[in-house]
C-alpha atoms as a PDB file:
ATOM      1  CA  MET A   1     -49.801  -7.035 158.551  1.00  0.00           C
ATOM      2  CA  VAL A   2     -46.234  -7.386 157.338  1.00  0.00           C
ATOM      3  CA  ARG A   3     -44.673 -10.837 157.141  1.00  0.00           C
ATOM      4  CA  ALA A   4     -41.049 -11.060 156.187  1.00  0.00           C
ATOM      5  CA  ALA A   5     -38.561 -13.845 155.663  1.00  0.00           C
ATOM      6  CA  VAL A   6     -34.968 -12.932 156.259  1.00  0.00           C
ATOM      7  CA  ASP A   7     -31.708 -14.886 155.823  1.00  0.00           C
ATOM      8  CA  THR A   8     -28.913 -15.061 158.393  1.00  0.00           C
ATOM      9  CA  LEU A   9     -27.457 -11.716 157.178  1.00  0.00           C
ATOM     10  CA  GLY A  10     -30.765  -9.895 157.604  1.00  0.00           C
ATOM     11  CA  HIS A  11     -31.441  -9.683 153.774  1.00  0.00           C
ATOM     12  CA  LEU A  12     -35.063  -9.809 152.711  1.00  0.00           C
ATOM     13  CA  PRO A  13     -35.725 -12.657 150.209  1.00  0.00           C
ATOM     14  CA  ALA A  14     -39.597 -12.515 150.579  1.00  0.00           C
ATOM     15  CA  LEU A  15     -42.139 -10.060 151.930  1.00  0.00           C
ATOM     16  CA  SER A  16     -45.922 -10.305 152.292  1.00  0.00           C
ATOM     17  CA  VAL A  17     -48.353  -7.522 153.230  1.00  0.00           C
ATOM     18  CA  ASN A  18     -51.859  -8.642 154.024  1.00  0.00           C
ATOM     19  CA  PRO A  19     -54.851  -7.426 156.132  1.00  0.00           C
ATOM     20  CA  ALA A  20     -54.556  -7.999 159.854  1.00  0.00           C
ATOM     21  CA  ASN A  21     -57.638 -10.164 159.920  1.00  0.00           C
ATOM     22  CA  GLY A  22     -56.154 -12.727 157.578  1.00  0.00           C
ATOM     23  CA  ASP A  23     -55.177 -16.240 158.508  1.00  0.00           C
ATOM     24  CA  ASP A  24     -51.557 -16.507 159.649  1.00  0.00           C
ATOM     25  CA  ARG A  25     -51.202 -20.154 158.772  1.00  0.00           C
ATOM     26  CA  SER A  26     -52.165 -19.812 155.135  1.00  0.00           C
ATOM     27  CA  LYS A  27     -50.260 -16.583 154.602  1.00  0.00           C
ATOM     28  CA  GLY A  28     -47.138 -17.872 156.335  1.00  0.00           C
ATOM     29  CA  GLY A  29     -47.283 -20.970 154.212  1.00  0.00           C
ATOM     30  CA  ASP A  30     -47.394 -18.850 150.997  1.00  0.00           C
ATOM     31  CA  LEU A  31     -44.399 -16.859 152.308  1.00  0.00           C
ATOM     32  CA  ILE A  32     -42.434 -20.079 153.026  1.00  0.00           C
ATOM     33  CA  ARG A  33     -43.244 -21.502 149.550  1.00  0.00           C
ATOM     34  CA  THR A  34     -42.032 -18.247 147.979  1.00  0.00           C
ATOM     35  CA  VAL A  35     -38.710 -18.517 149.869  1.00  0.00           C
ATOM     36  CA  GLN A  36     -38.373 -22.195 148.975  1.00  0.00           C
ATOM     37  CA  GLU A  37     -38.844 -21.548 145.289  1.00  0.00           C
ATOM     38  CA  GLY A  38     -36.309 -18.778 145.322  1.00  0.00           C
ATOM     39  CA  ALA A  39     -33.718 -20.518 147.428  1.00  0.00           C
ATOM     40  CA  GLY A  40     -33.994 -24.011 145.991  1.00  0.00           C
ATOM     41  CA  GLU A  41     -32.095 -26.539 148.190  1.00  0.00           C
ATOM     42  CA  ARG A  42     -30.431 -24.029 150.501  1.00  0.00           C
ATOM     43  CA  VAL A  43     -33.435 -24.018 152.871  1.00  0.00           C
ATOM     44  CA  VAL A  44     -33.218 -26.584 155.659  1.00  0.00           C
ATOM     45  CA  LYS A  45     -36.226 -28.909 155.350  1.00  0.00           C
ATOM     46  CA  LEU A  46     -37.938 -30.266 158.496  1.00  0.00           C
ATOM     47  CA  PRO A  47     -36.949 -33.969 158.149  1.00  0.00           C
ATOM     48  CA  GLU A  48     -33.247 -33.002 157.719  1.00  0.00           C
ATOM     49  CA  ALA A  49     -33.365 -30.708 160.736  1.00  0.00           C
ATOM     50  CA  ARG A  50     -34.750 -33.382 163.102  1.00  0.00           C
ATOM     51  CA  HIS A  51     -31.581 -35.490 163.448  1.00  0.00           C
ATOM     52  CA  GLY A  52     -30.861 -34.652 167.125  1.00  0.00           C
ATOM     53  CA  PHE A  53     -30.172 -31.368 168.773  1.00  0.00           C
ATOM     54  CA  ALA A  54     -28.832 -28.609 166.598  1.00  0.00           C
ATOM     55  CA  LEU A  55     -27.853 -25.244 168.021  1.00  0.00           C
ATOM     56  CA  LEU A  56     -28.969 -22.299 165.876  1.00  0.00           C
ATOM     57  CA  PRO A  57     -26.581 -19.405 166.549  1.00  0.00           C
ATOM     58  CA  ARG A  58     -28.408 -16.807 164.546  1.00  0.00           C
ATOM     59  CA  ARG A  59     -31.812 -17.133 166.186  1.00  0.00           C
ATOM     60  CA  ARG A  60     -32.849 -13.519 166.613  1.00  0.00           C
ATOM     61  CA  VAL A  61     -32.133 -12.239 163.044  1.00  0.00           C
ATOM     62  CA  THR A  62     -35.774 -11.556 162.263  1.00  0.00           C
ATOM     63  CA  GLU A  63     -36.283  -9.388 165.375  1.00  0.00           C
ATOM     64  CA  ARG A  64     -33.061  -7.541 164.570  1.00  0.00           C
ATOM     65  CA  THR A  65     -34.227  -6.946 161.029  1.00  0.00           C
ATOM     66  CA  PHE A  66     -37.480  -5.525 162.137  1.00  0.00           C
ATOM     67  CA  GLY A  67     -35.568  -3.318 164.586  1.00  0.00           C
ATOM     68  CA  TRP A  68     -33.527  -1.962 161.658  1.00  0.00           C
ATOM     69  CA  ALA A  69     -36.810  -1.293 159.737  1.00  0.00           C
ATOM     70  CA  THR A  70     -38.163   0.774 162.610  1.00  0.00           C
ATOM     71  CA  ARG A  71     -35.470   3.401 161.942  1.00  0.00           C
ATOM     72  CA  PHE A  72     -37.535   4.422 158.934  1.00  0.00           C
ATOM     73  CA  ARG A  73     -40.309   6.553 160.156  1.00  0.00           C
ATOM     74  CA  CYS A  74     -42.745   5.571 157.412  1.00  0.00           C
ATOM     75  CA  LEU A  75     -42.555   1.877 158.527  1.00  0.00           C
ATOM     76  CA  VAL A  76     -43.270   2.452 162.231  1.00  0.00           C
ATOM     77  CA  LYS A  77     -46.990   2.781 161.635  1.00  0.00           C
ATOM     78  CA  ASP A  78     -49.066   1.382 158.787  1.00  0.00           C
ATOM     79  CA  TYR A  79     -50.719   4.537 157.348  1.00  0.00           C
ATOM     80  CA  GLU A  80     -50.881   3.411 153.719  1.00  0.00           C
ATOM     81  CA  ARG A  81     -54.146   2.392 152.141  1.00  0.00           C
ATOM     82  CA  LEU A  82     -52.682   0.015 149.567  1.00  0.00           C
ATOM     83  CA  PRO A  83     -50.557  -3.042 150.575  1.00  0.00           C
ATOM     84  CA  GLU A  84     -48.478  -2.523 147.508  1.00  0.00           C
ATOM     85  CA  THR A  85     -47.370   0.885 148.822  1.00  0.00           C
ATOM     86  CA  LEU A  86     -46.337  -0.564 152.187  1.00  0.00           C
ATOM     87  CA  ALA A  87     -44.470  -3.432 150.474  1.00  0.00           C
ATOM     88  CA  GLY A  88     -42.655  -0.945 148.320  1.00  0.00           C
ATOM     89  CA  LEU A  89     -41.708   1.143 151.241  1.00  0.00           C
ATOM     90  CA  HIS A  90     -40.247  -1.965 152.922  1.00  0.00           C
ATOM     91  CA  ILE A  91     -38.314  -2.851 149.745  1.00  0.00           C
ATOM     92  CA  VAL A  92     -36.822   0.705 149.637  1.00  0.00           C
ATOM     93  CA  ALA A  93     -35.948   0.589 153.348  1.00  0.00           C
ATOM     94  CA  PHE A  94     -34.112  -2.766 153.011  1.00  0.00           C
ATOM     95  CA  VAL A  95     -32.305  -1.643 149.894  1.00  0.00           C
ATOM     96  CA  CYS A  96     -31.052   1.350 151.883  1.00  0.00           C
ATOM     97  CA  LEU A  97     -29.928  -0.959 154.675  1.00  0.00           C
ATOM     98  CA  MET A  98     -28.173  -3.384 152.274  1.00  0.00           C
ATOM     99  CA  LEU A  99     -26.384  -0.476 150.486  1.00  0.00           C
ATOM    100  CA  LYS A 100     -25.290   0.863 153.965  1.00  0.00           C
ATOM    101  CA  ASN A 101     -23.828  -2.485 154.884  1.00  0.00           C
ATOM    102  CA  ALA A 102     -22.229  -2.932 151.456  1.00  0.00           C
ATOM    103  CA  ALA A 103     -20.540   0.554 151.381  1.00  0.00           C
ATOM    104  CA  PRO A 104     -17.593  -0.447 153.749  1.00  0.00           C
ATOM    105  CA  ILE A 105     -17.037  -3.644 151.695  1.00  0.00           C
ATOM    106  CA  ALA A 106     -16.888  -1.700 148.415  1.00  0.00           C
ATOM    107  CA  GLY A 107     -14.489   0.870 149.911  1.00  0.00           C
ATOM    108  CA  ALA A 108     -12.046  -1.756 151.263  1.00  0.00           C
ATOM    109  CA  GLY A 109     -11.467  -3.092 147.795  1.00  0.00           C
ATOM    110  CA  SER A 110     -10.190   0.264 146.419  1.00  0.00           C
END
């Protein structure tokens, strides 16, 4: 099972590939700790987020990101035996997506 953490732009700061029979709670916690270590203080912590109602305008970024990933045929089904192979394919797919999004920005500066 692939668990991914994405930022509001759809970039992939953390990825975890584990067997489907694993515990979601412990593996999700590991993924969140990885993101927290990499992002430092930029991640909103729970006590800070509970000060009244706050509208989150970018709610469906994760679903959109997985939709982008399904454009790559090798990611539609998990045929790989090793989780490292599947994680590597996800990294390559997201690098391709990020390069595609960065190409118009790089061309505008010329």
